[in-house]
Amino acid sequence: MYNPIRSSKVYEQIAEQIEQLILSGKLHSGDRLPTERELAEQFHASRTAVREAMKTLAQKGLVDLRPGRGTIVIDGTSQAMRDSLDLMVRVGQAGNAASLVEVREIFEPEIAALAAARATEEHIQVLQEKVDIMDANLYHADRYIAADNDFHRALAKATHNPLLLTLVDSIVDLLSEQRKQIFSVPGGSARGQVHHKQLLDAVRRHDAQAAREAMRAHLQQVRTDVEAATAQKD
C-alpha cells in the first residue's frame, strides 16, 4: 500500500525553491531568472540539475524558456487549464455544447455585474473598441470571433479579479468553437451584437443589475443559436 520514502533529487529541490518564490510573490510575471551558470553557483549544484529544474517549472506553466533571452517568470495557469479542457473535449469528457452554455450561465452574469460596478474609463473604451470591430465584421467570422473573445476577456478584466480572467481564458478555445457554431446560424452574429451593446451600455452606466440581466439574455440567445446550429447538422 505504501511506497518507500525517497530523498528528493537536487533538481526537484531547486524547482521547489523557485516555485515558492513565485507563489509567495517574491518573483513576478516578467521577471528574468539568473543565467543557468549563475543559478548553479547560487545553489551549489550542477548546470544539469538547474536545467532539469527549469524544465519542471516550464511544464507547470511558471517559467518560459526563451533561447537566447533566458528564463522568464510567467503566469501560465490559464494555458495549463486550457490544455486540460482541450484534452477533455478531444477524448469526449467535457460534455456537449449545452454543457458549456450552462457553465457560462453560472459565472458570466456575475462577471458582467462586477464589471459594471468596477470598470474604469479605460475598460469601457476597450469594450467599445471590440463592439466597433464586431460591427465592422458581421460577415467575417475570424475577425468577429476574435473581437468577441476579447470583449468577454475585457469584461473579466474590468472585474479587477485575476481569477475570473483566468477562468475566462481557460475556456477561450471552447468559446471560439461555440462562436463558430453561432456564426453558422443566419443572423447569429447580428443578434449577438444586440446583446453586446446592451452589456456595454450597462457597464458604461455602472448598472450592475442591468449588466447581469443583459448577460443572461445574451446567454439565452447563445443557447438558442447553438441548438439551431446543432439541428442544422442533423
C-alpha atoms as a PDB file:
ATOM      1  CA  MET A   1       0.000   0.000   0.000  1.00  0.00           C
ATOM      2  CA  TYR A   2       2.813   2.413   0.822  1.00  0.00           C
ATOM      3  CA  ASN A   3       5.938   3.249  -1.144  1.00  0.00           C
ATOM      4  CA  PRO A   4       9.356   3.738   0.427  1.00  0.00           C
ATOM      5  CA  ILE A   5      10.332   7.336   1.155  1.00  0.00           C
ATOM      6  CA  ARG A   6      12.989   8.599  -1.214  1.00  0.00           C
ATOM      7  CA  SER A   7      15.117  11.702  -0.915  1.00  0.00           C
ATOM      8  CA  SER A   8      14.153  14.294  -3.492  1.00  0.00           C
ATOM      9  CA  LYS A   9      16.552  14.913  -6.319  1.00  0.00           C
ATOM     10  CA  VAL A  10      18.629  18.082  -6.485  1.00  0.00           C
ATOM     11  CA  TYR A  11      16.715  19.470  -9.483  1.00  0.00           C
ATOM     12  CA  GLU A  12      13.415  18.950  -7.609  1.00  0.00           C
ATOM     13  CA  GLN A  13      14.730  20.966  -4.652  1.00  0.00           C
ATOM     14  CA  ILE A  14      15.831  23.760  -6.975  1.00  0.00           C
ATOM     15  CA  ALA A  15      12.458  23.791  -8.724  1.00  0.00           C
ATOM     16  CA  GLU A  16      10.621  23.806  -5.391  1.00  0.00           C
ATOM     17  CA  GLN A  17      12.591  26.810  -4.086  1.00  0.00           C
ATOM     18  CA  ILE A  18      11.952  28.850  -7.230  1.00  0.00           C
ATOM     19  CA  GLU A  19       8.289  27.806  -7.289  1.00  0.00           C
ATOM     20  CA  GLN A  20       7.856  29.043  -3.713  1.00  0.00           C
ATOM     21  CA  LEU A  21       9.440  32.369  -4.629  1.00  0.00           C
ATOM     22  CA  ILE A  22       6.923  32.733  -7.442  1.00  0.00           C
ATOM     23  CA  LEU A  23       3.934  31.666  -5.357  1.00  0.00           C
ATOM     24  CA  SER A  24       4.924  33.972  -2.497  1.00  0.00           C
ATOM     25  CA  GLY A  25       5.132  36.947  -4.847  1.00  0.00           C
ATOM     26  CA  LYS A  26       8.875  37.491  -4.449  1.00  0.00           C
ATOM     27  CA  LEU A  27       9.241  36.698  -8.144  1.00  0.00           C
ATOM     28  CA  HIS A  28       6.688  38.220 -10.514  1.00  0.00           C
ATOM     29  CA  SER A  29       5.496  37.539 -14.039  1.00  0.00           C
ATOM     30  CA  GLY A  30       8.031  39.098 -16.408  1.00  0.00           C
ATOM     31  CA  ASP A  31      10.999  38.740 -14.055  1.00  0.00           C
ATOM     32  CA  ARG A  32      14.086  37.227 -15.641  1.00  0.00           C
ATOM     33  CA  LEU A  33      15.842  34.493 -13.673  1.00  0.00           C
ATOM     34  CA  PRO A  34      19.638  34.432 -13.358  1.00  0.00           C
ATOM     35  CA  THR A  35      21.531  32.505 -16.015  1.00  0.00           C
ATOM     36  CA  GLU A  36      21.943  28.754 -15.770  1.00  0.00           C
ATOM     37  CA  ARG A  37      25.548  29.207 -14.681  1.00  0.00           C
ATOM     38  CA  GLU A  38      24.643  31.803 -12.044  1.00  0.00           C
ATOM     39  CA  LEU A  39      21.870  29.619 -10.617  1.00  0.00           C
ATOM     40  CA  ALA A  40      24.219  26.634 -10.487  1.00  0.00           C
ATOM     41  CA  GLU A  41      26.676  28.711  -8.469  1.00  0.00           C
ATOM     42  CA  GLN A  42      23.983  30.029  -6.109  1.00  0.00           C
ATOM     43  CA  PHE A  43      22.501  26.570  -5.493  1.00  0.00           C
ATOM     44  CA  HIS A  44      25.913  24.892  -5.373  1.00  0.00           C
ATOM     45  CA  ALA A  45      24.546  22.460  -7.936  1.00  0.00           C
ATOM     46  CA  SER A  46      25.367  21.298 -11.436  1.00  0.00           C
ATOM     47  CA  ARG A  47      24.101  23.102 -14.505  1.00  0.00           C
ATOM     48  CA  THR A  48      22.357  19.856 -15.494  1.00  0.00           C
ATOM     49  CA  ALA A  49      20.315  19.971 -12.270  1.00  0.00           C
ATOM     50  CA  VAL A  50      19.403  23.624 -12.926  1.00  0.00           C
ATOM     51  CA  ARG A  51      18.401  22.759 -16.496  1.00  0.00           C
ATOM     52  CA  GLU A  52      16.097  19.975 -15.302  1.00  0.00           C
ATOM     53  CA  ALA A  53      14.588  22.280 -12.684  1.00  0.00           C
ATOM     54  CA  MET A  54      13.779  24.854 -15.379  1.00  0.00           C
ATOM     55  CA  LYS A  55      12.098  22.173 -17.491  1.00  0.00           C
ATOM     56  CA  THR A  56       9.981  21.165 -14.488  1.00  0.00           C
ATOM     57  CA  LEU A  57       8.905  24.761 -13.865  1.00  0.00           C
ATOM     58  CA  ALA A  58       8.143  25.269 -17.555  1.00  0.00           C
ATOM     59  CA  GLN A  59       5.890  22.205 -17.556  1.00  0.00           C
ATOM     60  CA  LYS A  60       3.957  23.744 -14.668  1.00  0.00           C
ATOM     61  CA  GLY A  61       3.484  26.972 -16.625  1.00  0.00           C
ATOM     62  CA  LEU A  62       5.596  29.016 -14.204  1.00  0.00           C
ATOM     63  CA  VAL A  63       8.507  29.968 -16.462  1.00  0.00           C
ATOM     64  CA  ASP A  64       9.114  30.386 -20.173  1.00  0.00           C
ATOM     65  CA  LEU A  65      12.401  29.107 -21.588  1.00  0.00           C
ATOM     66  CA  ARG A  66      13.466  31.528 -24.326  1.00  0.00           C
ATOM     67  CA  PRO A  67      16.606  30.575 -26.258  1.00  0.00           C
ATOM     68  CA  GLY A  68      18.983  33.497 -26.337  1.00  0.00           C
ATOM     69  CA  ARG A  69      16.832  35.527 -23.947  1.00  0.00           C
ATOM     70  CA  GLY A  70      16.970  33.486 -20.755  1.00  0.00           C
ATOM     71  CA  THR A  71      14.248  32.164 -18.457  1.00  0.00           C
ATOM     72  CA  ILE A  72      11.255  34.422 -17.759  1.00  0.00           C
ATOM     73  CA  VAL A  73       8.698  34.026 -14.978  1.00  0.00           C
ATOM     74  CA  ILE A  74       5.203  33.782 -16.486  1.00  0.00           C
ATOM     75  CA  ASP A  75       1.643  33.141 -15.412  1.00  0.00           C
ATOM     76  CA  GLY A  76       0.850  30.068 -17.472  1.00  0.00           C
ATOM     77  CA  THR A  77      -2.053  28.860 -15.343  1.00  0.00           C
ATOM     78  CA  SER A  78      -4.678  29.827 -17.938  1.00  0.00           C
ATOM     79  CA  GLN A  79      -2.868  27.927 -20.658  1.00  0.00           C
ATOM     80  CA  ALA A  80      -2.484  24.878 -18.436  1.00  0.00           C
ATOM     81  CA  MET A  81      -6.221  24.868 -17.712  1.00  0.00           C
ATOM     82  CA  ARG A  82      -6.966  25.448 -21.384  1.00  0.00           C
ATOM     83  CA  ASP A  83      -4.817  22.495 -22.418  1.00  0.00           C
ATOM     84  CA  SER A  84      -6.562  20.265 -19.876  1.00  0.00           C
ATOM     85  CA  LEU A  85     -10.022  21.287 -21.072  1.00  0.00           C
ATOM     86  CA  ASP A  86      -8.996  20.880 -24.703  1.00  0.00           C
ATOM     87  CA  LEU A  87      -7.820  17.351 -23.921  1.00  0.00           C
ATOM     88  CA  MET A  88     -11.122  16.585 -22.187  1.00  0.00           C
ATOM     89  CA  VAL A  89     -13.017  17.699 -25.277  1.00  0.00           C
ATOM     90  CA  ARG A  90     -10.872  15.582 -27.584  1.00  0.00           C
ATOM     91  CA  VAL A  91     -11.449  12.457 -25.511  1.00  0.00           C
ATOM     92  CA  GLY A  92     -15.140  13.230 -25.135  1.00  0.00           C
ATOM     93  CA  GLN A  93     -15.230  14.036 -21.420  1.00  0.00           C
ATOM     94  CA  ALA A  94     -16.385  17.675 -21.477  1.00  0.00           C
ATOM     95  CA  GLY A  95     -19.977  17.056 -22.490  1.00  0.00           C
ATOM     96  CA  ASN A  96     -21.775  18.786 -25.353  1.00  0.00           C
ATOM     97  CA  ALA A  97     -22.268  22.403 -26.354  1.00  0.00           C
ATOM     98  CA  ALA A  98     -25.125  22.785 -23.878  1.00  0.00           C
ATOM     99  CA  SER A  99     -22.717  21.979 -21.048  1.00  0.00           C
ATOM    100  CA  LEU A 100     -20.534  24.941 -21.997  1.00  0.00           C
ATOM    101  CA  VAL A 101     -23.533  27.275 -22.107  1.00  0.00           C
ATOM    102  CA  GLU A 102     -24.565  26.021 -18.677  1.00  0.00           C
ATOM    103  CA  VAL A 103     -21.112  26.731 -17.262  1.00  0.00           C
ATOM    104  CA  ARG A 104     -21.203  30.222 -18.757  1.00  0.00           C
ATOM    105  CA  GLU A 105     -24.638  30.853 -17.255  1.00  0.00           C
ATOM    106  CA  ILE A 106     -23.220  30.108 -13.815  1.00  0.00           C
ATOM    107  CA  PHE A 107     -20.436  32.700 -13.757  1.00  0.00           C
ATOM    108  CA  GLU A 108     -20.669  35.157 -16.671  1.00  0.00           C
ATOM    109  CA  PRO A 109     -23.708  37.119 -15.396  1.00  0.00           C
ATOM    110  CA  GLU A 110     -21.769  37.851 -12.194  1.00  0.00           C
ATOM    111  CA  ILE A 111     -18.693  38.818 -14.203  1.00  0.00           C
ATOM    112  CA  ALA A 112     -20.862  41.315 -16.066  1.00  0.00           C
ATOM    113  CA  ALA A 113     -22.294  42.676 -12.812  1.00  0.00           C
ATOM    114  CA  LEU A 114     -18.856  43.112 -11.241  1.00  0.00           C
ATOM    115  CA  ALA A 115     -17.535  44.692 -14.425  1.00  0.00           C
ATOM    116  CA  ALA A 116     -20.350  47.244 -14.339  1.00  0.00           C
ATOM    117  CA  ALA A 117     -19.571  48.057 -10.722  1.00  0.00           C
ATOM    118  CA  ARG A 118     -15.786  48.297 -11.137  1.00  0.00           C
ATOM    119  CA  ALA A 119     -14.990  49.234 -14.735  1.00  0.00           C
ATOM    120  CA  THR A 120     -12.751  52.224 -15.374  1.00  0.00           C
ATOM    121  CA  GLU A 121     -13.000  54.504 -18.407  1.00  0.00           C
ATOM    122  CA  GLU A 122     -10.128  52.553 -19.928  1.00  0.00           C
ATOM    123  CA  HIS A 123     -12.058  49.282 -19.614  1.00  0.00           C
ATOM    124  CA  ILE A 124     -15.135  50.879 -21.159  1.00  0.00           C
ATOM    125  CA  GLN A 125     -13.060  52.207 -24.047  1.00  0.00           C
ATOM    126  CA  VAL A 126     -11.709  48.714 -24.772  1.00  0.00           C
ATOM    127  CA  LEU A 127     -15.231  47.263 -24.704  1.00  0.00           C
ATOM    128  CA  GLN A 128     -16.373  49.949 -27.156  1.00  0.00           C
ATOM    129  CA  GLU A 129     -13.447  49.182 -29.482  1.00  0.00           C
ATOM    130  CA  LYS A 130     -14.363  45.487 -29.543  1.00  0.00           C
ATOM    131  CA  VAL A 131     -18.021  46.265 -30.255  1.00  0.00           C
ATOM    132  CA  ASP A 132     -16.951  48.512 -33.144  1.00  0.00           C
ATOM    133  CA  ILE A 133     -14.760  45.744 -34.582  1.00  0.00           C
ATOM    134  CA  MET A 134     -17.631  43.266 -34.381  1.00  0.00           C
ATOM    135  CA  ASP A 135     -19.952  45.776 -36.066  1.00  0.00           C
ATOM    136  CA  ALA A 136     -17.493  46.059 -38.952  1.00  0.00           C
ATOM    137  CA  ASN A 137     -17.110  42.280 -39.299  1.00  0.00           C
ATOM    138  CA  LEU A 138     -20.614  40.843 -39.037  1.00  0.00           C
ATOM    139  CA  TYR A 139     -19.854  38.649 -42.063  1.00  0.00           C
ATOM    140  CA  HIS A 140     -16.199  37.879 -41.345  1.00  0.00           C
ATOM    141  CA  ALA A 141     -16.131  35.029 -38.860  1.00  0.00           C
ATOM    142  CA  ASP A 142     -12.463  35.055 -37.762  1.00  0.00           C
ATOM    143  CA  ARG A 143     -12.323  38.788 -37.060  1.00  0.00           C
ATOM    144  CA  TYR A 144     -15.715  38.861 -35.382  1.00  0.00           C
ATOM    145  CA  ILE A 145     -14.935  35.871 -33.150  1.00  0.00           C
ATOM    146  CA  ALA A 146     -11.531  37.283 -32.140  1.00  0.00           C
ATOM    147  CA  ALA A 147     -13.199  40.554 -31.105  1.00  0.00           C
ATOM    148  CA  ASP A 148     -15.983  38.627 -29.345  1.00  0.00           C
ATOM    149  CA  ASN A 149     -13.377  36.725 -27.316  1.00  0.00           C
ATOM    150  CA  ASP A 150     -11.628  39.995 -26.483  1.00  0.00           C
ATOM    151  CA  PHE A 151     -14.925  41.621 -25.441  1.00  0.00           C
ATOM    152  CA  HIS A 152     -15.623  38.917 -22.868  1.00  0.00           C
ATOM    153  CA  ARG A 153     -11.989  38.990 -21.685  1.00  0.00           C
ATOM    154  CA  ALA A 154     -12.313  42.757 -21.258  1.00  0.00           C
ATOM    155  CA  LEU A 155     -15.392  42.250 -19.079  1.00  0.00           C
ATOM    156  CA  ALA A 156     -13.417  39.821 -16.922  1.00  0.00           C
ATOM    157  CA  LYS A 157     -10.517  42.276 -16.686  1.00  0.00           C
ATOM    158  CA  ALA A 158     -12.910  45.012 -15.598  1.00  0.00           C
ATOM    159  CA  THR A 159     -13.821  42.978 -12.502  1.00  0.00           C
ATOM    160  CA  HIS A 160     -10.249  43.500 -11.195  1.00  0.00           C
ATOM    161  CA  ASN A 161     -10.330  39.835 -10.170  1.00  0.00           C
ATOM    162  CA  PRO A 162      -7.481  37.933 -11.864  1.00  0.00           C
ATOM    163  CA  LEU A 163      -9.050  34.562 -11.056  1.00  0.00           C
ATOM    164  CA  LEU A 164     -12.099  35.424 -13.149  1.00  0.00           C
ATOM    165  CA  LEU A 165      -9.874  36.385 -16.072  1.00  0.00           C
ATOM    166  CA  THR A 166      -8.051  33.074 -15.695  1.00  0.00           C
ATOM    167  CA  LEU A 167     -11.386  31.225 -15.796  1.00  0.00           C
ATOM    168  CA  VAL A 168     -12.418  33.001 -18.995  1.00  0.00           C
ATOM    169  CA  ASP A 169      -9.004  32.466 -20.570  1.00  0.00           C
ATOM    170  CA  SER A 170      -9.113  28.773 -19.719  1.00  0.00           C
ATOM    171  CA  ILE A 171     -12.213  28.201 -21.877  1.00  0.00           C
ATOM    172  CA  VAL A 172     -11.401  30.628 -24.704  1.00  0.00           C
ATOM    173  CA  ASP A 173     -10.714  27.816 -27.200  1.00  0.00           C
ATOM    174  CA  LEU A 174     -14.050  26.212 -26.352  1.00  0.00           C
ATOM    175  CA  LEU A 175     -15.758  29.589 -26.684  1.00  0.00           C
ATOM    176  CA  SER A 176     -14.186  30.121 -30.110  1.00  0.00           C
ATOM    177  CA  GLU A 177     -15.604  26.823 -31.321  1.00  0.00           C
ATOM    178  CA  GLN A 178     -19.007  27.682 -29.895  1.00  0.00           C
ATOM    179  CA  ARG A 179     -18.931  31.088 -31.574  1.00  0.00           C
ATOM    180  CA  LYS A 180     -18.149  29.429 -34.907  1.00  0.00           C
ATOM    181  CA  GLN A 181     -21.342  27.416 -34.440  1.00  0.00           C
ATOM    182  CA  ILE A 182     -23.344  30.575 -33.771  1.00  0.00           C
ATOM    183  CA  PHE A 183     -21.795  32.299 -36.791  1.00  0.00           C
ATOM    184  CA  SER A 184     -23.121  29.492 -38.984  1.00  0.00           C
ATOM    185  CA  VAL A 185     -26.703  30.353 -37.986  1.00  0.00           C
ATOM    186  CA  PRO A 186     -28.237  33.134 -40.132  1.00  0.00           C
ATOM    187  CA  GLY A 187     -28.320  36.350 -38.128  1.00  0.00           C
ATOM    188  CA  GLY A 188     -26.373  34.860 -35.220  1.00  0.00           C
ATOM    189  CA  SER A 189     -23.637  37.489 -35.208  1.00  0.00           C
ATOM    190  CA  ALA A 190     -26.135  40.369 -35.502  1.00  0.00           C
ATOM    191  CA  ARG A 191     -28.197  39.024 -32.603  1.00  0.00           C
ATOM    192  CA  GLY A 192     -25.033  38.738 -30.554  1.00  0.00           C
ATOM    193  CA  GLN A 193     -24.255  42.381 -31.245  1.00  0.00           C
ATOM    194  CA  VAL A 194     -27.596  43.495 -29.833  1.00  0.00           C
ATOM    195  CA  HIS A 195     -26.632  41.915 -26.529  1.00  0.00           C
ATOM    196  CA  HIS A 196     -23.020  43.132 -26.624  1.00  0.00           C
ATOM    197  CA  LYS A 197     -24.277  46.700 -26.991  1.00  0.00           C
ATOM    198  CA  GLN A 198     -26.710  46.237 -24.100  1.00  0.00           C
ATOM    199  CA  LEU A 199     -23.852  44.918 -21.967  1.00  0.00           C
ATOM    200  CA  LEU A 200     -21.646  47.848 -22.940  1.00  0.00           C
ATOM    201  CA  ASP A 201     -24.412  50.321 -22.110  1.00  0.00           C
ATOM    202  CA  ALA A 202     -24.969  48.759 -18.678  1.00  0.00           C
ATOM    203  CA  VAL A 203     -21.240  48.799 -17.895  1.00  0.00           C
ATOM    204  CA  ARG A 204     -20.941  52.394 -19.060  1.00  0.00           C
ATOM    205  CA  ARG A 205     -23.784  53.345 -16.689  1.00  0.00           C
ATOM    206  CA  HIS A 206     -22.246  51.215 -13.904  1.00  0.00           C
ATOM    207  CA  ASP A 207     -25.586  49.428 -13.565  1.00  0.00           C
ATOM    208  CA  ALA A 208     -24.679  46.010 -12.171  1.00  0.00           C
ATOM    209  CA  GLN A 209     -28.205  44.564 -12.257  1.00  0.00           C
ATOM    210  CA  ALA A 210     -28.754  45.651 -15.849  1.00  0.00           C
ATOM    211  CA  ALA A 211     -25.417  44.098 -16.828  1.00  0.00           C
ATOM    212  CA  ARG A 212     -26.332  40.847 -15.090  1.00  0.00           C
ATOM    213  CA  GLU A 213     -29.684  40.708 -16.897  1.00  0.00           C
ATOM    214  CA  ALA A 214     -28.096  41.615 -20.236  1.00  0.00           C
ATOM    215  CA  MET A 215     -25.616  38.755 -19.902  1.00  0.00           C
ATOM    216  CA  ARG A 216     -28.371  36.304 -19.016  1.00  0.00           C
ATOM    217  CA  ALA A 217     -30.306  37.398 -22.102  1.00  0.00           C
ATOM    218  CA  HIS A 218     -27.159  37.077 -24.205  1.00  0.00           C
ATOM    219  CA  LEU A 219     -26.520  33.537 -22.999  1.00  0.00           C
ATOM    220  CA  GLN A 220     -30.128  32.579 -23.697  1.00  0.00           C
ATOM    221  CA  GLN A 221     -29.551  33.784 -27.271  1.00  0.00           C
ATOM    222  CA  VAL A 222     -26.341  31.743 -27.363  1.00  0.00           C
ATOM    223  CA  ARG A 223     -28.201  28.651 -26.182  1.00  0.00           C
ATOM    224  CA  THR A 224     -30.896  29.121 -28.850  1.00  0.00           C
ATOM    225  CA  ASP A 225     -28.398  29.645 -31.670  1.00  0.00           C
ATOM    226  CA  VAL A 226     -26.228  26.702 -30.599  1.00  0.00           C
ATOM    227  CA  GLU A 227     -29.311  24.474 -30.638  1.00  0.00           C
ATOM    228  CA  ALA A 228     -30.149  25.782 -34.132  1.00  0.00           C
ATOM    229  CA  ALA A 229     -26.581  25.122 -35.316  1.00  0.00           C
ATOM    230  CA  THR A 230     -26.748  21.583 -33.948  1.00  0.00           C
ATOM    231  CA  ALA A 231     -30.085  20.997 -35.677  1.00  0.00           C
ATOM    232  CA  GLN A 232     -28.567  22.150 -38.992  1.00  0.00           C
ATOM    233  CA  LYS A 233     -26.021  19.328 -38.786  1.00  0.00           C
ATOM    234  CA  ASP A 234     -28.617  16.634 -38.078  1.00  0.00           C
END
